[in-house]
Amino acid sequence: MGKKPKILTPDRTDSFHRHEVCQRALAPSFQNLCEQAQAAGWEEREAAYALMVLAAAKLKHATTEAETISEVTDVPGEIGGTGPGPVEGD
């Protein structure tokens, strides 16, 4: 366990491979965090599982937040909304 690893910034990778680039960027910090947990007395599997659960919760929150933003901004008939416009005769 040495110095805190720096997380690399995204490059101009196409969006199809962006998640892979992000994984490579986060891997050293993830490894460092796992090592810190083990040094504190947690088993490797416990730490990895805890991080997976935390990541899933974060993803669920981000998805819920994105859906909420979409629901608020996707107002039918509004400028910029993608919902159906007003029906003729209204």
C-alpha atoms as a PDB file:
ATOM      1  CA  MET A   1       0.000   0.000   0.000  1.00  0.00           C
ATOM      2  CA  GLY A   2       1.682   3.125  -1.174  1.00  0.00           C
ATOM      3  CA  LYS A   3       0.437   6.381  -2.494  1.00  0.00           C
ATOM      4  CA  LYS A   4      -3.126   6.887  -3.631  1.00  0.00           C
ATOM      5  CA  PRO A   5      -3.473   5.904  -7.309  1.00  0.00           C
ATOM      6  CA  LYS A   6      -4.596   8.583  -9.738  1.00  0.00           C
ATOM      7  CA  ILE A   7      -7.714   7.835 -11.776  1.00  0.00           C
ATOM      8  CA  LEU A   8      -7.067   8.366 -15.467  1.00  0.00           C
ATOM      9  CA  THR A   9      -9.374  10.708 -17.346  1.00  0.00           C
ATOM     10  CA  PRO A  10     -11.513   9.475 -20.237  1.00  0.00           C
ATOM     11  CA  ASP A  11     -10.033   9.655 -23.691  1.00  0.00           C
ATOM     12  CA  ARG A  12     -11.855  10.019 -26.980  1.00  0.00           C
ATOM     13  CA  THR A  13     -12.838   6.344 -27.043  1.00  0.00           C
ATOM     14  CA  ASP A  14     -16.131   5.644 -28.765  1.00  0.00           C
ATOM     15  CA  SER A  15     -19.037   5.071 -26.389  1.00  0.00           C
ATOM     16  CA  PHE A  16     -19.154   1.344 -27.219  1.00  0.00           C
ATOM     17  CA  HIS A  17     -15.788   0.757 -25.501  1.00  0.00           C
ATOM     18  CA  ARG A  18     -15.983   3.558 -22.935  1.00  0.00           C
ATOM     19  CA  HIS A  19     -17.014   1.210 -20.102  1.00  0.00           C
ATOM     20  CA  GLU A  20     -13.899  -0.913 -20.710  1.00  0.00           C
ATOM     21  CA  VAL A  21     -11.669   2.161 -20.602  1.00  0.00           C
ATOM     22  CA  CYS A  22     -13.358   3.238 -17.370  1.00  0.00           C
ATOM     23  CA  GLN A  23     -12.733  -0.202 -15.835  1.00  0.00           C
ATOM     24  CA  ARG A  24      -9.024   0.052 -16.672  1.00  0.00           C
ATOM     25  CA  ALA A  25      -8.915   3.565 -15.217  1.00  0.00           C
ATOM     26  CA  LEU A  26     -10.556   2.495 -11.952  1.00  0.00           C
ATOM     27  CA  ALA A  27      -8.722  -0.834 -11.526  1.00  0.00           C
ATOM     28  CA  PRO A  28      -5.681   0.527  -9.622  1.00  0.00           C
ATOM     29  CA  SER A  29      -7.893   2.447  -7.166  1.00  0.00           C
ATOM     30  CA  PHE A  30     -10.140  -0.581  -6.745  1.00  0.00           C
ATOM     31  CA  GLN A  31      -7.119  -2.794  -6.040  1.00  0.00           C
ATOM     32  CA  ASN A  32      -5.771  -0.235  -3.577  1.00  0.00           C
ATOM     33  CA  LEU A  33      -9.111  -0.089  -1.756  1.00  0.00           C
ATOM     34  CA  CYS A  34      -9.262  -3.895  -1.560  1.00  0.00           C
ATOM     35  CA  GLU A  35      -5.732  -3.954  -0.125  1.00  0.00           C
ATOM     36  CA  GLN A  36      -6.671  -1.326   2.468  1.00  0.00           C
ATOM     37  CA  ALA A  37      -9.700  -3.391   3.505  1.00  0.00           C
ATOM     38  CA  GLN A  38      -7.543  -6.502   3.865  1.00  0.00           C
ATOM     39  CA  ALA A  39      -4.978  -4.573   5.897  1.00  0.00           C
ATOM     40  CA  ALA A  40      -7.836  -3.518   8.189  1.00  0.00           C
ATOM     41  CA  GLY A  41      -8.778  -7.182   8.735  1.00  0.00           C
ATOM     42  CA  TRP A  42     -11.458  -7.826   6.120  1.00  0.00           C
ATOM     43  CA  GLU A  43     -11.156 -10.896   3.935  1.00  0.00           C
ATOM     44  CA  GLU A  44     -10.705 -10.303   0.206  1.00  0.00           C
ATOM     45  CA  ARG A  45     -14.097 -11.847  -0.654  1.00  0.00           C
ATOM     46  CA  GLU A  46     -15.855  -9.749   2.013  1.00  0.00           C
ATOM     47  CA  ALA A  47     -14.351  -6.541   0.684  1.00  0.00           C
ATOM     48  CA  ALA A  48     -15.058  -7.420  -2.957  1.00  0.00           C
ATOM     49  CA  TYR A  49     -18.658  -8.338  -2.136  1.00  0.00           C
ATOM     50  CA  ALA A  50     -19.180  -5.149  -0.137  1.00  0.00           C
ATOM     51  CA  LEU A  51     -17.839  -3.066  -3.019  1.00  0.00           C
ATOM     52  CA  MET A  52     -20.086  -4.915  -5.465  1.00  0.00           C
ATOM     53  CA  VAL A  53     -23.160  -4.214  -3.312  1.00  0.00           C
ATOM     54  CA  LEU A  54     -22.187  -0.553  -2.969  1.00  0.00           C
ATOM     55  CA  ALA A  55     -21.673  -0.313  -6.747  1.00  0.00           C
ATOM     56  CA  ALA A  56     -25.066  -1.917  -7.404  1.00  0.00           C
ATOM     57  CA  ALA A  57     -26.751   0.531  -5.040  1.00  0.00           C
ATOM     58  CA  LYS A  58     -24.991   3.430  -6.754  1.00  0.00           C
ATOM     59  CA  LEU A  59     -26.063   2.152 -10.165  1.00  0.00           C
ATOM     60  CA  LYS A  60     -29.655   1.708  -8.990  1.00  0.00           C
ATOM     61  CA  HIS A  61     -29.661   5.253  -7.605  1.00  0.00           C
ATOM     62  CA  ALA A  62     -28.168   6.645 -10.824  1.00  0.00           C
ATOM     63  CA  THR A  63     -30.723   4.755 -12.925  1.00  0.00           C
ATOM     64  CA  THR A  64     -33.617   5.912 -10.751  1.00  0.00           C
ATOM     65  CA  GLU A  65     -32.333   9.489 -10.881  1.00  0.00           C
ATOM     66  CA  ALA A  66     -31.956   9.335 -14.686  1.00  0.00           C
ATOM     67  CA  GLU A  67     -35.485   7.943 -15.053  1.00  0.00           C
ATOM     68  CA  THR A  68     -36.857  10.704 -12.824  1.00  0.00           C
ATOM     69  CA  ILE A  69     -35.062  13.381 -14.844  1.00  0.00           C
ATOM     70  CA  SER A  70     -36.390  11.799 -18.039  1.00  0.00           C
ATOM     71  CA  GLU A  71     -39.943  11.760 -16.670  1.00  0.00           C
ATOM     72  CA  VAL A  72     -39.726  15.415 -15.658  1.00  0.00           C
ATOM     73  CA  THR A  73     -38.161  16.638 -18.891  1.00  0.00           C
ATOM     74  CA  ASP A  74     -40.149  14.409 -21.255  1.00  0.00           C
ATOM     75  CA  VAL A  75     -43.428  16.316 -21.021  1.00  0.00           C
ATOM     76  CA  PRO A  76     -45.761  15.670 -23.960  1.00  0.00           C
ATOM     77  CA  GLY A  77     -46.259  18.729 -26.118  1.00  0.00           C
ATOM     78  CA  GLU A  78     -43.475  20.692 -24.409  1.00  0.00           C
ATOM     79  CA  ILE A  79     -40.579  22.127 -26.368  1.00  0.00           C
ATOM     80  CA  GLY A  80     -37.723  19.668 -26.046  1.00  0.00           C
ATOM     81  CA  GLY A  81     -39.990  16.891 -24.783  1.00  0.00           C
ATOM     82  CA  THR A  82     -40.077  13.738 -26.846  1.00  0.00           C
ATOM     83  CA  GLY A  83     -43.579  12.693 -25.893  1.00  0.00           C
ATOM     84  CA  PRO A  84     -46.494  13.030 -28.301  1.00  0.00           C
ATOM     85  CA  GLY A  85     -47.632  16.545 -29.052  1.00  0.00           C
ATOM     86  CA  PRO A  86     -51.172  17.831 -28.594  1.00  0.00           C
ATOM     87  CA  VAL A  87     -53.918  15.985 -30.408  1.00  0.00           C
ATOM     88  CA  GLU A  88     -55.700  17.936 -33.143  1.00  0.00           C
ATOM     89  CA  GLY A  89     -58.943  19.454 -31.945  1.00  0.00           C
ATOM     90  CA  ASP A  90     -57.661  20.042 -28.403  1.00  0.00           C
END
